[in-house]
């Protein structure tokens, strides 16, 4: 059995750290997008009431939250892609963390 060297283990830990960071950003972006949709749905229920003057602000806020979530998701994906590419340039191609995905 071939035991990995300390460099191989360090590269593997770095790759997994990149994936954890991406997952955290996906979770944050999903929360922002969901919160934006929830705010819009909530403001939709208040239409027709006398608070109608503030609804345009609520709708604008929900659109901003959705846009921030989408922007965060795109930036996280770009950052992950660049980091993985840099790691591959230095140490060669690495396997995905999901073993079954690399066989597809």
PDB file of N, CA and C in Angstrom:
ATOM      1  N   UNK A   1       0.846  -1.179   0.000  1.00  0.00           N
ATOM      2  CA  UNK A   1       0.000   0.000   0.000  1.00  0.00           C
ATOM      3  C   UNK A   1       0.891   1.242   0.000  1.00  0.00           C
ATOM      4  N   UNK A   2       0.514   2.186  -0.783  1.00  0.00           N
ATOM      5  CA  UNK A   2       1.291   3.404  -0.951  1.00  0.00           C
ATOM      6  C   UNK A   2       0.787   4.480   0.009  1.00  0.00           C
ATOM      7  N   UNK A   3       1.619   4.915   0.922  1.00  0.00           N
ATOM      8  CA  UNK A   3       1.193   5.959   1.850  1.00  0.00           C
ATOM      9  C   UNK A   3       1.479   7.324   1.236  1.00  0.00           C
ATOM     10  N   UNK A   4       0.539   8.247   1.350  1.00  0.00           N
ATOM     11  CA  UNK A   4       0.743   9.575   0.766  1.00  0.00           C
ATOM     12  C   UNK A   4       1.818  10.366   1.511  1.00  0.00           C
ATOM     13  N   UNK A   5       2.487  11.210   0.762  1.00  0.00           N
ATOM     14  CA  UNK A   5       3.510  12.060   1.365  1.00  0.00           C
ATOM     15  C   UNK A   5       2.843  13.244   2.064  1.00  0.00           C
ATOM     16  N   UNK A   6       3.626  13.986   2.816  1.00  0.00           N
ATOM     17  CA  UNK A   6       3.058  15.139   3.532  1.00  0.00           C
ATOM     18  C   UNK A   6       2.588  16.208   2.556  1.00  0.00           C
ATOM     19  N   UNK A   7       3.263  16.333   1.402  1.00  0.00           N
ATOM     20  CA  UNK A   7       2.825  17.309   0.396  1.00  0.00           C
ATOM     21  C   UNK A   7       1.479  16.911  -0.184  1.00  0.00           C
ATOM     22  N   UNK A   8       1.290  15.627  -0.475  1.00  0.00           N
ATOM     23  CA  UNK A   8       0.020  15.153  -1.007  1.00  0.00           C
ATOM     24  C   UNK A   8      -1.112  15.368  -0.008  1.00  0.00           C
ATOM     25  N   UNK A   9      -0.830  15.130   1.257  1.00  0.00           N
ATOM     26  CA  UNK A   9      -1.846  15.356   2.290  1.00  0.00           C
ATOM     27  C   UNK A   9      -2.172  16.836   2.420  1.00  0.00           C
ATOM     28  N   UNK A  10      -1.170  17.690   2.335  1.00  0.00           N
ATOM     29  CA  UNK A  10      -1.398  19.140   2.426  1.00  0.00           C
ATOM     30  C   UNK A  10      -2.222  19.636   1.244  1.00  0.00           C
ATOM     31  N   UNK A  11      -1.941  19.127   0.051  1.00  0.00           N
ATOM     32  CA  UNK A  11      -2.711  19.511  -1.137  1.00  0.00           C
ATOM     33  C   UNK A  11      -4.154  19.038  -0.987  1.00  0.00           C
ATOM     34  N   UNK A  12      -4.327  17.840  -0.483  1.00  0.00           N
ATOM     35  CA  UNK A  12      -5.681  17.312  -0.280  1.00  0.00           C
ATOM     36  C   UNK A  12      -6.452  18.143   0.740  1.00  0.00           C
ATOM     37  N   UNK A  13      -5.795  18.519   1.832  1.00  0.00           N
ATOM     38  CA  UNK A  13      -6.456  19.367   2.843  1.00  0.00           C
ATOM     39  C   UNK A  13      -6.809  20.737   2.255  1.00  0.00           C
ATOM     40  N   UNK A  14      -5.927  21.282   1.444  1.00  0.00           N
ATOM     41  CA  UNK A  14      -6.198  22.577   0.821  1.00  0.00           C
ATOM     42  C   UNK A  14      -7.382  22.488  -0.126  1.00  0.00           C
ATOM     43  N   UNK A  15      -7.413  21.423  -0.931  1.00  0.00           N
ATOM     44  CA  UNK A  15      -8.535  21.230  -1.859  1.00  0.00           C
ATOM     45  C   UNK A  15      -9.850  21.093  -1.107  1.00  0.00           C
ATOM     46  N   UNK A  16      -9.842  20.342  -0.024  1.00  0.00           N
ATOM     47  CA  UNK A  16     -11.058  20.188   0.771  1.00  0.00           C
ATOM     48  C   UNK A  16     -11.460  21.499   1.447  1.00  0.00           C
ATOM     49  N   UNK A  17     -10.474  22.299   1.837  1.00  0.00           N
ATOM     50  CA  UNK A  17     -10.782  23.614   2.410  1.00  0.00           C
ATOM     51  C   UNK A  17     -11.448  24.506   1.373  1.00  0.00           C
ATOM     52  N   UNK A  18     -10.979  24.438   0.118  1.00  0.00           N
ATOM     53  CA  UNK A  18     -11.620  25.202  -0.958  1.00  0.00           C
ATOM     54  C   UNK A  18     -13.068  24.765  -1.133  1.00  0.00           C
ATOM     55  N   UNK A  19     -13.316  23.467  -1.066  1.00  0.00           N
ATOM     56  CA  UNK A  19     -14.679  22.967  -1.232  1.00  0.00           C
ATOM     57  C   UNK A  19     -15.572  23.370  -0.059  1.00  0.00           C
ATOM     58  N   UNK A  20     -15.027  23.342   1.156  1.00  0.00           N
ATOM     59  CA  UNK A  20     -15.818  23.790   2.314  1.00  0.00           C
ATOM     60  C   UNK A  20     -16.163  25.265   2.203  1.00  0.00           C
ATOM     61  N   UNK A  21     -15.205  26.059   1.728  1.00  0.00           N
ATOM     62  CA  UNK A  21     -15.463  27.483   1.553  1.00  0.00           C
ATOM     63  C   UNK A  21     -16.561  27.709   0.521  1.00  0.00           C
ATOM     64  N   UNK A  22     -16.500  26.968  -0.581  1.00  0.00           N
ATOM     65  CA  UNK A  22     -17.548  27.090  -1.599  1.00  0.00           C
ATOM     66  C   UNK A  22     -18.908  26.696  -1.029  1.00  0.00           C
ATOM     67  N   UNK A  23     -18.953  25.613  -0.257  1.00  0.00           N
ATOM     68  CA  UNK A  23     -20.231  25.194   0.335  1.00  0.00           C
ATOM     69  C   UNK A  23     -20.783  26.250   1.293  1.00  0.00           C
ATOM     70  N   UNK A  24     -19.912  26.901   2.037  1.00  0.00           N
ATOM     71  CA  UNK A  24     -20.362  27.959   2.945  1.00  0.00           C
ATOM     72  C   UNK A  24     -20.941  29.130   2.161  1.00  0.00           C
ATOM     73  N   UNK A  25     -20.276  29.492   1.057  1.00  0.00           N
ATOM     74  CA  UNK A  25     -20.795  30.584   0.240  1.00  0.00           C
ATOM     75  C   UNK A  25     -22.121  30.208  -0.423  1.00  0.00           C
ATOM     76  N   UNK A  26     -22.255  28.968  -0.858  1.00  0.00           N
ATOM     77  CA  UNK A  26     -23.523  28.519  -1.457  1.00  0.00           C
ATOM     78  C   UNK A  26     -24.631  28.590  -0.411  1.00  0.00           C
ATOM     79  N   UNK A  27     -24.335  28.165   0.806  1.00  0.00           N
ATOM     80  CA  UNK A  27     -25.330  28.231   1.877  1.00  0.00           C
ATOM     81  C   UNK A  27     -25.733  29.674   2.170  1.00  0.00           C
ATOM     82  N   UNK A  28     -24.748  30.581   2.209  1.00  0.00           N
ATOM     83  CA  UNK A  28     -25.040  31.991   2.467  1.00  0.00           C
ATOM     84  C   UNK A  28     -25.845  32.606   1.333  1.00  0.00           C
ATOM     85  N   UNK A  29     -25.451  32.317   0.094  1.00  0.00           N
ATOM     86  CA  UNK A  29     -26.171  32.860  -1.064  1.00  0.00           C
ATOM     87  C   UNK A  29     -27.598  32.334  -1.112  1.00  0.00           C
ATOM     88  N   UNK A  30     -27.778  31.062  -0.815  1.00  0.00           N
ATOM     89  CA  UNK A  30     -29.124  30.483  -0.795  1.00  0.00           C
ATOM     90  C   UNK A  30     -29.976  31.138   0.281  1.00  0.00           C
ATOM     91  N   UNK A  31     -29.389  31.431   1.417  1.00  0.00           N
ATOM     92  CA  UNK A  31     -30.131  32.109   2.485  1.00  0.00           C
ATOM     93  C   UNK A  31     -30.548  33.511   2.066  1.00  0.00           C
ATOM     94  N   UNK A  32     -29.641  34.243   1.427  1.00  0.00           N
ATOM     95  CA  UNK A  32     -29.975  35.589   0.973  1.00  0.00           C
ATOM     96  C   UNK A  32     -31.085  35.570  -0.068  1.00  0.00           C
ATOM     97  N   UNK A  33     -30.981  34.652  -1.012  1.00  0.00           N
ATOM     98  CA  UNK A  33     -32.011  34.547  -2.059  1.00  0.00           C
ATOM     99  C   UNK A  33     -33.350  34.143  -1.443  1.00  0.00           C
ATOM    100  N   UNK A  34     -33.335  33.180  -0.545  1.00  0.00           N
ATOM    101  CA  UNK A  34     -34.579  32.737   0.105  1.00  0.00           C
ATOM    102  C   UNK A  34     -35.203  33.851   0.928  1.00  0.00           C
ATOM    103  N   UNK A  35     -34.361  34.605   1.633  1.00  0.00           N
ATOM    104  CA  UNK A  35     -34.871  35.725   2.419  1.00  0.00           C
ATOM    105  C   UNK A  35     -35.497  36.778   1.515  1.00  0.00           C
ATOM    106  N   UNK A  36     -34.881  37.030   0.361  1.00  0.00           N
ATOM    107  CA  UNK A  36     -35.450  37.987  -0.591  1.00  0.00           C
ATOM    108  C   UNK A  36     -36.807  37.539  -1.091  1.00  0.00           C
ATOM    109  N   UNK A  37     -36.939  36.261  -1.440  1.00  0.00           N
ATOM    110  CA  UNK A  37     -38.232  35.755  -1.892  1.00  0.00           C
ATOM    111  C   UNK A  37     -39.266  35.775  -0.769  1.00  0.00           C
ATOM    112  N   UNK A  38     -38.846  35.464   0.451  1.00  0.00           N
ATOM    113  CA  UNK A  38     -39.772  35.499   1.585  1.00  0.00           C
ATOM    114  C   UNK A  38     -40.268  36.909   1.845  1.00  0.00           C
ATOM    115  N   UNK A  39     -39.362  37.882   1.767  1.00  0.00           N
ATOM    116  CA  UNK A  39     -39.773  39.281   1.951  1.00  0.00           C
ATOM    117  C   UNK A  39     -40.763  39.701   0.871  1.00  0.00           C
ATOM    118  N   UNK A  40     -40.532  39.285  -0.363  1.00  0.00           N
ATOM    119  CA  UNK A  40     -41.446  39.633  -1.450  1.00  0.00           C
ATOM    120  C   UNK A  40     -42.812  38.988  -1.236  1.00  0.00           C
ATOM    121  N   UNK A  41     -42.816  37.738  -0.811  1.00  0.00           N
ATOM    122  CA  UNK A  41     -44.088  37.052  -0.559  1.00  0.00           C
ATOM    123  C   UNK A  41     -44.827  37.703   0.612  1.00  0.00           C
ATOM    124  N   UNK A  42     -44.085  38.101   1.639  1.00  0.00           N
ATOM    125  CA  UNK A  42     -44.695  38.784   2.783  1.00  0.00           C
ATOM    126  C   UNK A  42     -45.303  40.115   2.348  1.00  0.00           C
ATOM    127  N   UNK A  43     -44.562  40.867   1.532  1.00  0.00           N
ATOM    128  CA  UNK A  43     -45.086  42.164   1.091  1.00  0.00           C
ATOM    129  C   UNK A  43     -46.281  41.988   0.157  1.00  0.00           C
ATOM    130  N   UNK A  44     -46.317  40.861  -0.551  1.00  0.00           N
ATOM    131  CA  UNK A  44     -47.455  40.576  -1.420  1.00  0.00           C
ATOM    132  C   UNK A  44     -48.734  40.403  -0.595  1.00  0.00           C
ATOM    133  N   UNK A  45     -48.609  39.824   0.596  1.00  0.00           N
ATOM    134  CA  UNK A  45     -49.761  39.644   1.477  1.00  0.00           C
ATOM    135  C   UNK A  45     -50.248  40.950   2.084  1.00  0.00           C
ATOM    136  N   UNK A  46     -49.371  41.958   2.143  1.00  0.00           N
ATOM    137  CA  UNK A  46     -49.758  43.237   2.726  1.00  0.00           C
ATOM    138  C   UNK A  46     -50.329  44.221   1.713  1.00  0.00           C
ATOM    139  N   UNK A  47     -50.299  43.873   0.448  1.00  0.00           N
ATOM    140  CA  UNK A  47     -50.838  44.786  -0.570  1.00  0.00           C
ATOM    141  C   UNK A  47     -52.326  44.987  -0.341  1.00  0.00           C
ATOM    142  N   UNK A  48     -52.770  46.167  -0.592  1.00  0.00           N
ATOM    143  CA  UNK A  48     -54.171  46.483  -0.387  1.00  0.00           C
ATOM    144  C   UNK A  48     -54.462  47.027   0.995  1.00  0.00           C
ATOM    145  N   UNK A  49     -53.512  47.010   1.864  1.00  0.00           N
ATOM    146  CA  UNK A  49     -53.684  47.587   3.195  1.00  0.00           C
ATOM    147  C   UNK A  49     -53.194  49.018   3.167  1.00  0.00           C
ATOM    148  N   UNK A  50     -53.353  49.722   4.252  1.00  0.00           N
ATOM    149  CA  UNK A  50     -52.939  51.118   4.266  1.00  0.00           C
ATOM    150  C   UNK A  50     -51.430  51.300   4.362  1.00  0.00           C
ATOM    151  N   UNK A  51     -50.673  50.226   4.525  1.00  0.00           N
ATOM    152  CA  UNK A  51     -49.218  50.328   4.567  1.00  0.00           C
ATOM    153  C   UNK A  51     -48.623  50.306   3.165  1.00  0.00           C
ATOM    154  N   UNK A  52     -49.436  50.416   2.187  1.00  0.00           N
ATOM    155  CA  UNK A  52     -49.034  50.251   0.795  1.00  0.00           C
ATOM    156  C   UNK A  52     -47.880  51.175   0.387  1.00  0.00           C
ATOM    157  N   UNK A  53     -47.724  52.316   1.068  1.00  0.00           N
ATOM    158  CA  UNK A  53     -46.658  53.254   0.701  1.00  0.00           C
ATOM    159  C   UNK A  53     -45.273  52.662   0.951  1.00  0.00           C
ATOM    160  N   UNK A  54     -45.140  51.818   1.953  1.00  0.00           N
ATOM    161  CA  UNK A  54     -43.828  51.252   2.279  1.00  0.00           C
ATOM    162  C   UNK A  54     -43.528  49.980   1.501  1.00  0.00           C
ATOM    163  N   UNK A  55     -44.497  49.467   0.761  1.00  0.00           N
ATOM    164  CA  UNK A  55     -44.277  48.205   0.067  1.00  0.00           C
ATOM    165  C   UNK A  55     -43.263  48.324  -1.053  1.00  0.00           C
ATOM    166  N   UNK A  56     -43.203  49.459  -1.717  1.00  0.00           N
ATOM    167  CA  UNK A  56     -42.220  49.576  -2.790  1.00  0.00           C
ATOM    168  C   UNK A  56     -40.810  49.450  -2.217  1.00  0.00           C
ATOM    169  N   UNK A  57     -40.591  49.978  -1.004  1.00  0.00           N
ATOM    170  CA  UNK A  57     -39.298  49.815  -0.349  1.00  0.00           C
ATOM    171  C   UNK A  57     -39.019  48.368  -0.005  1.00  0.00           C
ATOM    172  N   UNK A  58     -40.046  47.644   0.448  1.00  0.00           N
ATOM    173  CA  UNK A  58     -39.889  46.233   0.781  1.00  0.00           C
ATOM    174  C   UNK A  58     -39.600  45.414  -0.467  1.00  0.00           C
ATOM    175  N   UNK A  59     -40.286  45.724  -1.546  1.00  0.00           N
ATOM    176  CA  UNK A  59     -40.039  45.004  -2.793  1.00  0.00           C
ATOM    177  C   UNK A  59     -38.637  45.296  -3.320  1.00  0.00           C
ATOM    178  N   UNK A  60     -38.222  46.543  -3.237  1.00  0.00           N
ATOM    179  CA  UNK A  60     -36.870  46.887  -3.675  1.00  0.00           C
ATOM    180  C   UNK A  60     -35.830  46.180  -2.811  1.00  0.00           C
ATOM    181  N   UNK A  61     -36.078  46.118  -1.510  1.00  0.00           N
ATOM    182  CA  UNK A  61     -35.158  45.429  -0.605  1.00  0.00           C
ATOM    183  C   UNK A  61     -35.070  43.947  -0.946  1.00  0.00           C
ATOM    184  N   UNK A  62     -36.204  43.334  -1.246  1.00  0.00           N
ATOM    185  CA  UNK A  62     -36.185  41.903  -1.587  1.00  0.00           C
ATOM    186  C   UNK A  62     -35.438  41.667  -2.890  1.00  0.00           C
ATOM    187  N   UNK A  63     -35.577  42.557  -3.852  1.00  0.00           N
ATOM    188  CA  UNK A  63     -34.840  42.422  -5.111  1.00  0.00           C
ATOM    189  C   UNK A  63     -33.343  42.583  -4.872  1.00  0.00           C
ATOM    190  N   UNK A  64     -32.978  43.526  -4.007  1.00  0.00           N
ATOM    191  CA  UNK A  64     -31.562  43.722  -3.677  1.00  0.00           C
ATOM    192  C   UNK A  64     -30.998  42.478  -2.998  1.00  0.00           C
ATOM    193  N   UNK A  65     -31.746  41.879  -2.080  1.00  0.00           N
ATOM    194  CA  UNK A  65     -31.280  40.674  -1.393  1.00  0.00           C
ATOM    195  C   UNK A  65     -31.070  39.524  -2.381  1.00  0.00           C
ATOM    196  N   UNK A  66     -31.995  39.360  -3.314  1.00  0.00           N
ATOM    197  CA  UNK A  66     -31.864  38.301  -4.318  1.00  0.00           C
ATOM    198  C   UNK A  66     -30.643  38.553  -5.200  1.00  0.00           C
ATOM    199  N   UNK A  67     -30.455  39.798  -5.615  1.00  0.00           N
ATOM    200  CA  UNK A  67     -29.302  40.131  -6.466  1.00  0.00           C
ATOM    201  C   UNK A  67     -27.975  39.943  -5.719  1.00  0.00           C
ATOM    202  N   UNK A  68     -27.928  40.313  -4.454  1.00  0.00           N
ATOM    203  CA  UNK A  68     -26.711  40.104  -3.665  1.00  0.00           C
ATOM    204  C   UNK A  68     -26.426  38.609  -3.524  1.00  0.00           C
ATOM    205  N   UNK A  69     -27.458  37.818  -3.306  1.00  0.00           N
ATOM    206  CA  UNK A  69     -27.274  36.371  -3.197  1.00  0.00           C
ATOM    207  C   UNK A  69     -26.753  35.760  -4.488  1.00  0.00           C
ATOM    208  N   UNK A  70     -27.292  36.179  -5.620  1.00  0.00           N
ATOM    209  CA  UNK A  70     -26.830  35.667  -6.909  1.00  0.00           C
ATOM    210  C   UNK A  70     -25.399  36.117  -7.177  1.00  0.00           C
ATOM    211  N   UNK A  71     -25.095  37.378  -6.872  1.00  0.00           N
ATOM    212  CA  UNK A  71     -23.730  37.885  -7.067  1.00  0.00           C
ATOM    213  C   UNK A  71     -22.736  37.142  -6.178  1.00  0.00           C
ATOM    214  N   UNK A  72     -23.116  36.870  -4.934  1.00  0.00           N
ATOM    215  CA  UNK A  72     -22.235  36.132  -4.026  1.00  0.00           C
ATOM    216  C   UNK A  72     -21.992  34.724  -4.547  1.00  0.00           C
ATOM    217  N   UNK A  73     -23.024  34.105  -5.086  1.00  0.00           N
ATOM    218  CA  UNK A  73     -22.880  32.761  -5.630  1.00  0.00           C
ATOM    219  C   UNK A  73     -21.932  32.748  -6.830  1.00  0.00           C
ATOM    220  N   UNK A  74     -22.091  33.698  -7.723  1.00  0.00           N
ATOM    221  CA  UNK A  74     -21.223  33.772  -8.905  1.00  0.00           C
ATOM    222  C   UNK A  74     -19.778  34.051  -8.498  1.00  0.00           C
ATOM    223  N   UNK A  75     -19.579  35.003  -7.582  1.00  0.00           N
ATOM    224  CA  UNK A  75     -18.215  35.318  -7.148  1.00  0.00           C
ATOM    225  C   UNK A  75     -17.568  34.136  -6.435  1.00  0.00           C
ATOM    226  N   UNK A  76     -18.343  33.405  -5.646  1.00  0.00           N
ATOM    227  CA  UNK A  76     -17.801  32.231  -4.951  1.00  0.00           C
ATOM    228  C   UNK A  76     -17.390  31.155  -5.942  1.00  0.00           C
ATOM    229  N   UNK A  77     -18.199  30.962  -6.978  1.00  0.00           N
ATOM    230  CA  UNK A  77     -17.855  29.962  -7.982  1.00  0.00           C
ATOM    231  C   UNK A  77     -16.593  30.359  -8.745  1.00  0.00           C
ATOM    232  N   UNK A  78     -16.462  31.627  -9.076  1.00  0.00           N
ATOM    233  CA  UNK A  78     -15.261  32.093  -9.769  1.00  0.00           C
ATOM    234  C   UNK A  78     -14.036  31.937  -8.875  1.00  0.00           C
ATOM    235  N   UNK A  79     -14.158  32.319  -7.611  1.00  0.00           N
ATOM    236  CA  UNK A  79     -13.046  32.175  -6.675  1.00  0.00           C
ATOM    237  C   UNK A  79     -12.641  30.712  -6.535  1.00  0.00           C
ATOM    238  N   UNK A  80     -13.619  29.820  -6.416  1.00  0.00           N
ATOM    239  CA  UNK A  80     -13.328  28.397  -6.286  1.00  0.00           C
ATOM    240  C   UNK A  80     -12.631  27.876  -7.545  1.00  0.00           C
ATOM    241  N   UNK A  81     -13.125  28.259  -8.703  1.00  0.00           N
ATOM    242  CA  UNK A  81     -12.546  27.811  -9.956  1.00  0.00           C
ATOM    243  C   UNK A  81     -11.096  28.283 -10.089  1.00  0.00           C
ATOM    244  N   UNK A  82     -10.840  29.540  -9.756  1.00  0.00           N
ATOM    245  CA  UNK A  82      -9.474  30.072  -9.837  1.00  0.00           C
ATOM    246  C   UNK A  82      -8.543  29.380  -8.845  1.00  0.00           C
ATOM    247  N   UNK A  83      -9.031  29.158  -7.638  1.00  0.00           N
ATOM    248  CA  UNK A  83      -8.205  28.499  -6.619  1.00  0.00           C
ATOM    249  C   UNK A  83      -7.871  27.077  -7.026  1.00  0.00           C
ATOM    250  N   UNK A  84      -8.862  26.354  -7.528  1.00  0.00           N
ATOM    251  CA  UNK A  84      -8.625  24.982  -7.981  1.00  0.00           C
ATOM    252  C   UNK A  84      -7.663  24.942  -9.151  1.00  0.00           C
ATOM    253  N   UNK A  85      -7.815  25.894 -10.066  1.00  0.00           N
ATOM    254  CA  UNK A  85      -6.928  25.950 -11.224  1.00  0.00           C
ATOM    255  C   UNK A  85      -5.483  26.216 -10.806  1.00  0.00           C
ATOM    256  N   UNK A  86      -5.296  27.126  -9.859  1.00  0.00           N
ATOM    257  CA  UNK A  86      -3.955  27.425  -9.355  1.00  0.00           C
ATOM    258  C   UNK A  86      -3.354  26.195  -8.668  1.00  0.00           C
ATOM    259  N   UNK A  87      -4.150  25.503  -7.884  1.00  0.00           N
ATOM    260  CA  UNK A  87      -3.678  24.301  -7.213  1.00  0.00           C
ATOM    261  C   UNK A  87      -3.303  23.219  -8.224  1.00  0.00           C
ATOM    262  N   UNK A  88      -4.101  23.080  -9.280  1.00  0.00           N
ATOM    263  CA  UNK A  88      -3.803  22.090 -10.310  1.00  0.00           C
ATOM    264  C   UNK A  88      -2.538  22.449 -11.085  1.00  0.00           C
ATOM    265  N   UNK A  89      -2.304  23.746 -11.318  1.00  0.00           N
ATOM    266  CA  UNK A  89      -1.087  24.151 -12.007  1.00  0.00           C
ATOM    267  C   UNK A  89       0.154  23.789 -11.197  1.00  0.00           C
ATOM    268  N   UNK A  90       0.080  23.922  -9.891  1.00  0.00           N
ATOM    269  CA  UNK A  90       1.235  23.660  -9.041  1.00  0.00           C
ATOM    270  C   UNK A  90       1.439  22.174  -8.746  1.00  0.00           C
ATOM    271  N   UNK A  91       0.338  21.438  -8.534  1.00  0.00           N
ATOM    272  CA  UNK A  91       0.471  20.065  -8.039  1.00  0.00           C
ATOM    273  C   UNK A  91      -0.220  19.015  -8.900  1.00  0.00           C
ATOM    274  N   UNK A  92      -0.733  19.389 -10.047  1.00  0.00           N
ATOM    275  CA  UNK A  92      -1.410  18.425 -10.911  1.00  0.00           C
ATOM    276  C   UNK A  92      -2.884  18.296 -10.579  1.00  0.00           C
ATOM    277  N   UNK A  93      -3.571  17.556 -11.433  1.00  0.00           N
ATOM    278  CA  UNK A  93      -5.020  17.403 -11.298  1.00  0.00           C
ATOM    279  C   UNK A  93      -5.357  16.596 -10.050  1.00  0.00           C
ATOM    280  N   UNK A  94      -6.367  17.052  -9.323  1.00  0.00           N
ATOM    281  CA  UNK A  94      -6.832  16.386  -8.103  1.00  0.00           C
ATOM    282  C   UNK A  94      -8.196  15.758  -8.350  1.00  0.00           C
ATOM    283  N   UNK A  95      -8.491  14.704  -7.610  1.00  0.00           N
ATOM    284  CA  UNK A  95      -9.797  14.066  -7.717  1.00  0.00           C
ATOM    285  C   UNK A  95     -10.851  14.915  -7.018  1.00  0.00           C
ATOM    286  N   UNK A  96     -12.099  14.734  -7.444  1.00  0.00           N
ATOM    287  CA  UNK A  96     -13.212  15.359  -6.751  1.00  0.00           C
ATOM    288  C   UNK A  96     -13.404  14.656  -5.421  1.00  0.00           C
ATOM    289  N   UNK A  97     -14.049  15.343  -4.488  1.00  0.00           N
ATOM    290  CA  UNK A  97     -14.281  14.713  -3.197  1.00  0.00           C
ATOM    291  C   UNK A  97     -15.330  13.615  -3.287  1.00  0.00           C
ATOM    292  N   UNK A  98     -16.222  13.717  -4.256  1.00  0.00           N
ATOM    293  CA  UNK A  98     -17.218  12.662  -4.462  1.00  0.00           C
ATOM    294  C   UNK A  98     -16.626  11.657  -5.450  1.00  0.00           C
ATOM    295  N   UNK A  99     -16.266  10.530  -4.969  1.00  0.00           N
ATOM    296  CA  UNK A  99     -15.564   9.533  -5.777  1.00  0.00           C
ATOM    297  C   UNK A  99     -16.375   9.099  -6.985  1.00  0.00           C
ATOM    298  N   UNK A 100     -17.678   8.950  -6.834  1.00  0.00           N
ATOM    299  CA  UNK A 100     -18.516   8.467  -7.935  1.00  0.00           C
ATOM    300  C   UNK A 100     -18.559   9.488  -9.067  1.00  0.00           C
ATOM    301  N   UNK A 101     -18.394  10.754  -8.759  1.00  0.00           N
ATOM    302  CA  UNK A 101     -18.495  11.788  -9.786  1.00  0.00           C
ATOM    303  C   UNK A 101     -17.309  11.725 -10.743  1.00  0.00           C
ATOM    304  N   UNK A 102     -16.157  11.294 -10.281  1.00  0.00           N
ATOM    305  CA  UNK A 102     -14.979  11.238 -11.143  1.00  0.00           C
ATOM    306  C   UNK A 102     -15.051  10.097 -12.159  1.00  0.00           C
ATOM    307  N   UNK A 103     -15.961   9.137 -11.964  1.00  0.00           N
ATOM    308  CA  UNK A 103     -16.091   8.015 -12.891  1.00  0.00           C
ATOM    309  C   UNK A 103     -17.115   8.278 -13.973  1.00  0.00           C
ATOM    310  N   UNK A 104     -17.847   9.345 -13.894  1.00  0.00           N
ATOM    311  CA  UNK A 104     -18.891   9.636 -14.875  1.00  0.00           C
ATOM    312  C   UNK A 104     -18.274  10.110 -16.157  1.00  0.00           C
TER     313      UNK A 104
END
